[in-house]
Protein backbone atom coordinates (compact mmCIF):
# COMPACT_ATOMS: atom_id res chain seq x y z
CA MET A 1 -35.72 -42.14 3.54
CA LYS A 2 -33.72 -45.32 2.94
CA ILE A 3 -29.97 -45.42 2.34
CA SER A 4 -30.63 -46.91 -1.10
CA GLU A 5 -32.61 -43.80 -2.03
CA LEU A 6 -29.62 -41.50 -1.58
CA ARG A 7 -27.70 -40.50 -4.69
CA PHE A 8 -24.17 -41.88 -4.38
CA ASP A 9 -21.68 -40.89 -7.08
CA GLU A 10 -20.20 -43.20 -9.71
CA LYS A 11 -17.70 -44.49 -7.14
CA GLY A 12 -20.46 -45.26 -4.66
CA LEU A 13 -19.62 -42.33 -2.40
CA ILE A 14 -21.51 -39.41 -0.90
CA PRO A 15 -19.88 -36.32 0.71
CA ALA A 16 -20.53 -35.89 4.43
CA VAL A 17 -20.02 -32.53 6.12
CA VAL A 18 -19.40 -33.16 9.83
CA GLN A 19 -20.60 -30.37 12.12
CA ASP A 20 -20.39 -29.85 15.89
CA VAL A 21 -23.99 -29.97 17.10
CA GLU A 22 -23.35 -27.39 19.84
CA SER A 23 -20.97 -24.79 18.38
CA LYS A 24 -22.22 -25.39 14.79
CA GLU A 25 -18.60 -25.27 13.60
CA VAL A 26 -17.81 -27.39 10.54
CA LEU A 27 -15.29 -30.02 11.65
CA THR A 28 -14.41 -31.89 8.49
CA LEU A 29 -15.51 -33.05 5.06
CA ALA A 30 -15.35 -36.79 4.50
CA TYR A 31 -17.00 -39.41 2.30
CA MET A 32 -19.27 -42.32 3.06
CA ASN A 33 -20.37 -45.32 1.07
CA GLU A 34 -23.45 -47.39 1.86
CA GLU A 35 -21.55 -49.66 4.25
CA SER A 36 -19.92 -46.86 6.27
CA LEU A 37 -23.22 -44.99 6.45
CA GLN A 38 -24.95 -48.11 7.70
CA LYS A 39 -22.24 -48.61 10.34
CA SER A 40 -22.61 -44.99 11.38
CA LEU A 41 -26.33 -45.48 11.89
CA GLU A 42 -25.84 -48.71 13.81
CA THR A 43 -23.04 -47.54 16.12
CA LYS A 44 -24.10 -43.88 16.38
CA GLU A 45 -20.47 -42.94 15.70
CA THR A 46 -18.96 -41.70 12.45
CA TRP A 47 -17.57 -44.19 9.94
CA PHE A 48 -16.18 -43.04 6.61
CA PHE A 49 -14.67 -44.44 3.44
CA SER A 50 -11.04 -43.51 2.79
CA ARG A 51 -10.53 -42.70 -0.88
CA SER A 52 -6.74 -42.95 -0.55
CA ARG A 53 -6.69 -46.30 1.29
CA GLN A 54 -9.87 -47.63 -0.30
CA GLU A 55 -11.22 -48.92 2.99
CA LEU A 56 -13.63 -48.08 5.80
CA TRP A 57 -12.34 -46.15 8.79
CA HIS A 58 -13.89 -45.46 12.16
CA LYS A 59 -13.19 -41.91 13.33
CA GLY A 60 -11.27 -42.08 16.62
CA GLU A 61 -10.56 -45.82 16.47
CA THR A 62 -6.88 -45.26 17.23
CA SER A 63 -6.86 -41.72 18.68
CA GLY A 64 -9.93 -42.03 20.87
CA ASN A 65 -11.34 -38.87 19.29
CA THR A 66 -14.67 -40.41 18.35
CA GLN A 67 -17.74 -38.48 17.21
CA THR A 68 -21.14 -39.35 18.64
CA ILE A 69 -23.86 -38.76 16.05
CA THR A 70 -26.95 -36.79 17.03
CA ASP A 71 -28.46 -36.37 13.57
CA ILE A 72 -27.78 -37.07 9.90
CA ARG A 73 -29.44 -34.83 7.33
CA TYR A 74 -29.50 -35.02 3.54
CA ASP A 75 -29.90 -32.17 1.07
CA CYS A 76 -32.71 -31.53 -1.38
CA ASP A 77 -30.88 -33.40 -4.18
CA GLN A 78 -30.20 -36.33 -1.84
CA ASP A 79 -26.53 -36.36 -2.84
CA ALA A 80 -24.86 -34.81 0.22
CA LEU A 81 -25.05 -35.29 3.99
CA VAL A 82 -24.61 -33.13 7.08
CA VAL A 83 -23.64 -35.20 10.11
CA LEU A 84 -24.22 -33.46 13.45
CA VAL A 85 -21.95 -34.82 16.17
CA LYS A 86 -20.67 -34.43 19.70
CA PRO A 87 -16.90 -34.75 19.27
CA LYS A 88 -14.76 -36.35 21.97
CA GLY A 89 -11.56 -34.80 20.70
CA PRO A 90 -10.00 -32.90 17.78
CA ALA A 91 -11.48 -33.62 14.38
CA CYS A 92 -8.27 -33.03 12.45
CA HIS A 93 -5.29 -35.38 12.34
CA LYS A 94 -3.13 -32.29 13.03
CA GLY A 95 -4.73 -32.02 16.46
CA THR A 96 -6.91 -28.99 15.75
CA PHE A 97 -10.59 -28.82 16.68
CA SER A 98 -11.61 -28.47 13.03
CA CYS A 99 -9.96 -29.42 9.75
CA PHE A 100 -11.00 -25.98 8.47
CA ASP A 101 -8.49 -24.03 10.53
CA ASP A 102 -6.90 -21.80 7.88
CA SER A 103 -8.32 -18.93 5.82
CA LEU A 104 -7.92 -18.46 2.08
CA PHE A 105 -9.60 -15.05 2.13
CA GLU A 106 -10.51 -12.66 4.92
CA GLY A 107 -12.68 -9.73 3.91
CA ASP A 108 -12.48 -6.20 5.28
CA GLU A 109 -15.61 -4.09 5.57
CA GLY A 110 -18.77 -6.09 5.95
CA GLN A 111 -16.86 -9.13 7.11
CA VAL A 112 -18.70 -11.34 9.58
CA ASP A 113 -16.89 -11.23 12.91
CA VAL A 114 -16.24 -14.90 13.60
CA SER A 115 -14.92 -13.98 17.02
CA ALA A 116 -18.44 -13.15 18.13
CA GLY A 117 -21.57 -15.21 18.54
CA VAL A 118 -21.91 -18.93 18.10
CA GLY A 119 -18.52 -19.45 16.47
CA LYS A 120 -16.71 -18.28 19.58
CA LEU A 121 -18.40 -21.00 21.62
CA ALA A 122 -16.15 -23.52 19.89
CA ILE A 123 -13.45 -22.69 22.45
CA LEU A 124 -15.67 -24.21 25.15
CA SER A 125 -15.75 -27.52 23.29
CA GLU A 126 -11.99 -27.37 22.72
CA LEU A 127 -11.36 -26.59 26.38
CA GLU A 128 -13.68 -29.35 27.55
CA GLN A 129 -11.87 -31.85 25.34
CA LEU A 130 -8.46 -30.65 26.54
CA ILE A 131 -9.50 -30.97 30.20
CA ALA A 132 -10.79 -34.49 29.52
CA GLU A 133 -7.50 -35.38 27.85
CA ARG A 134 -5.52 -34.01 30.79
CA GLU A 135 -7.60 -36.05 33.24
CA ARG A 136 -7.07 -39.19 31.17
CA THR A 137 -3.32 -38.85 30.50
CA ARG A 138 -2.22 -36.80 33.55
CA PRO A 139 0.85 -35.22 31.88
CA GLU A 140 3.51 -34.11 34.35
CA GLY A 141 3.74 -30.37 34.90
CA SER A 142 0.17 -29.64 33.79
CA TYR A 143 -1.88 -27.43 36.13
CA THR A 144 -5.00 -29.37 35.16
CA THR A 145 -3.25 -32.59 36.14
CA TYR A 146 -2.38 -30.98 39.48
CA LEU A 147 -6.04 -30.14 40.13
CA PHE A 148 -7.21 -33.67 39.37
CA GLU A 149 -4.42 -35.17 41.48
CA GLU A 150 -5.36 -32.96 44.44
CA GLY A 151 -9.02 -33.94 44.13
CA ILE A 152 -12.45 -32.48 44.65
CA ASP A 153 -11.67 -30.32 47.71
CA LYS A 154 -8.91 -28.46 45.87
CA ILE A 155 -11.06 -27.98 42.79
CA LEU A 156 -13.97 -26.65 44.87
CA LYS A 157 -11.62 -24.28 46.71
CA LYS A 158 -10.37 -22.87 43.39
CA VAL A 159 -13.91 -22.41 42.08
CA GLY A 160 -14.78 -20.49 45.25
CA GLU A 161 -11.64 -18.36 45.02
CA GLU A 162 -12.22 -17.48 41.38
CA ALA A 163 -15.88 -16.63 42.05
CA SER A 164 -14.70 -14.21 44.75
CA GLU A 165 -12.21 -12.66 42.32
CA VAL A 166 -15.01 -12.13 39.80
CA ILE A 167 -17.07 -10.33 42.44
CA ILE A 168 -14.13 -8.07 43.39
CA ALA A 169 -13.41 -7.23 39.75
CA ALA A 170 -17.05 -6.36 39.15
CA LYS A 171 -17.17 -4.16 42.27
CA ASN A 172 -14.03 -2.37 41.03
CA ARG A 173 -15.65 -1.78 37.61
CA ASP A 174 -12.48 -3.16 36.02
CA LYS A 175 -13.52 -4.78 32.73
CA GLU A 176 -10.08 -6.17 31.90
CA GLU A 177 -9.75 -7.77 35.32
CA LEU A 178 -13.33 -9.02 35.12
CA SER A 179 -12.59 -10.68 31.76
CA TRP A 180 -9.53 -12.46 33.15
CA GLU A 181 -11.20 -13.57 36.36
CA SER A 182 -14.33 -14.72 34.52
CA ALA A 183 -12.16 -16.83 32.21
CA ASP A 184 -10.43 -18.36 35.27
CA LEU A 185 -13.80 -19.13 36.84
CA LEU A 186 -15.11 -20.78 33.67
CA TYR A 187 -11.99 -22.93 33.39
CA HIS A 188 -12.14 -24.14 36.99
CA LEU A 189 -15.89 -24.73 36.71
CA MET A 190 -15.27 -26.92 33.66
CA VAL A 191 -12.63 -28.87 35.58
CA LEU A 192 -15.23 -29.40 38.30
CA LEU A 193 -17.81 -30.58 35.75
CA ARG A 194 -15.29 -33.07 34.39
CA GLU A 195 -14.48 -34.33 37.90
CA GLN A 196 -18.20 -34.86 38.42
CA ASP A 197 -18.56 -36.55 34.99
CA LEU A 198 -21.12 -33.93 33.94
CA PRO A 199 -20.82 -32.84 30.27
CA LEU A 200 -21.05 -29.12 29.59
CA SER A 201 -23.76 -29.91 27.05
CA GLU A 202 -26.09 -30.94 29.88
CA VAL A 203 -25.63 -27.58 31.58
CA LEU A 204 -26.25 -25.78 28.30
CA GLY A 205 -29.29 -27.98 27.80
CA VAL A 206 -30.75 -26.69 31.08
CA LEU A 207 -30.24 -23.11 29.91
CA GLU A 208 -31.85 -23.93 26.58
CA GLU A 209 -34.83 -25.57 28.28
CA ARG A 210 -35.33 -22.59 30.59
CA HIS A 211 -35.08 -20.19 27.65
CA THR A 212 -37.62 -22.18 25.64
CA LYS A 213 -40.10 -22.33 28.51
CA LYS A 214 -39.72 -18.60 29.12
CA ASN A 215 -40.45 -17.80 25.46
CA GLU A 216 -43.49 -20.06 25.50
CA LYS A 217 -44.95 -18.11 28.42
CA GLU A 218 -44.43 -14.73 26.74
């Protein structure tokens, strides 16, 4: 497929749905023209066309919240795109992870529980981005800043302490305590991953690879 074969509208634009490649959450809906799409392909970061300003814009150029492209797909009519990305910060100018943060309608019976399954994993991406921001800006009074300022030994000590707390909670059969302590352990582990410059996606990739190999053997 060539860019020229896509069906742009009468204004030379094509809608692009931007989606987090890991959590699968829809981040934003933007528009591309041929030039911005070409730039996106060349730089492997999202470029769009602003309909209000009538100019190209590079997502994250001023905020630093860029989006690394992993795949660009087109629909069967060749007039819409889905852009799969690894975001390096909030997608929305309001500072939220996704532009689609509010609900127009929430059903009752039969409603899909968005708090379960893949959708809930979005918090891991948000937390990873927040930890990265804290490391970069080091705001005063932030506990995350404190951990990074203290260094690797302090971070490792906290990971060990929280792992012990998880064990104690499990031995006590206390689900509420286990939930809290598990959350603390995950947070401190993600701080450690950031200190080691190891993206969470690489850890998840190992799990995915192991899972795939296990299924192939069965």
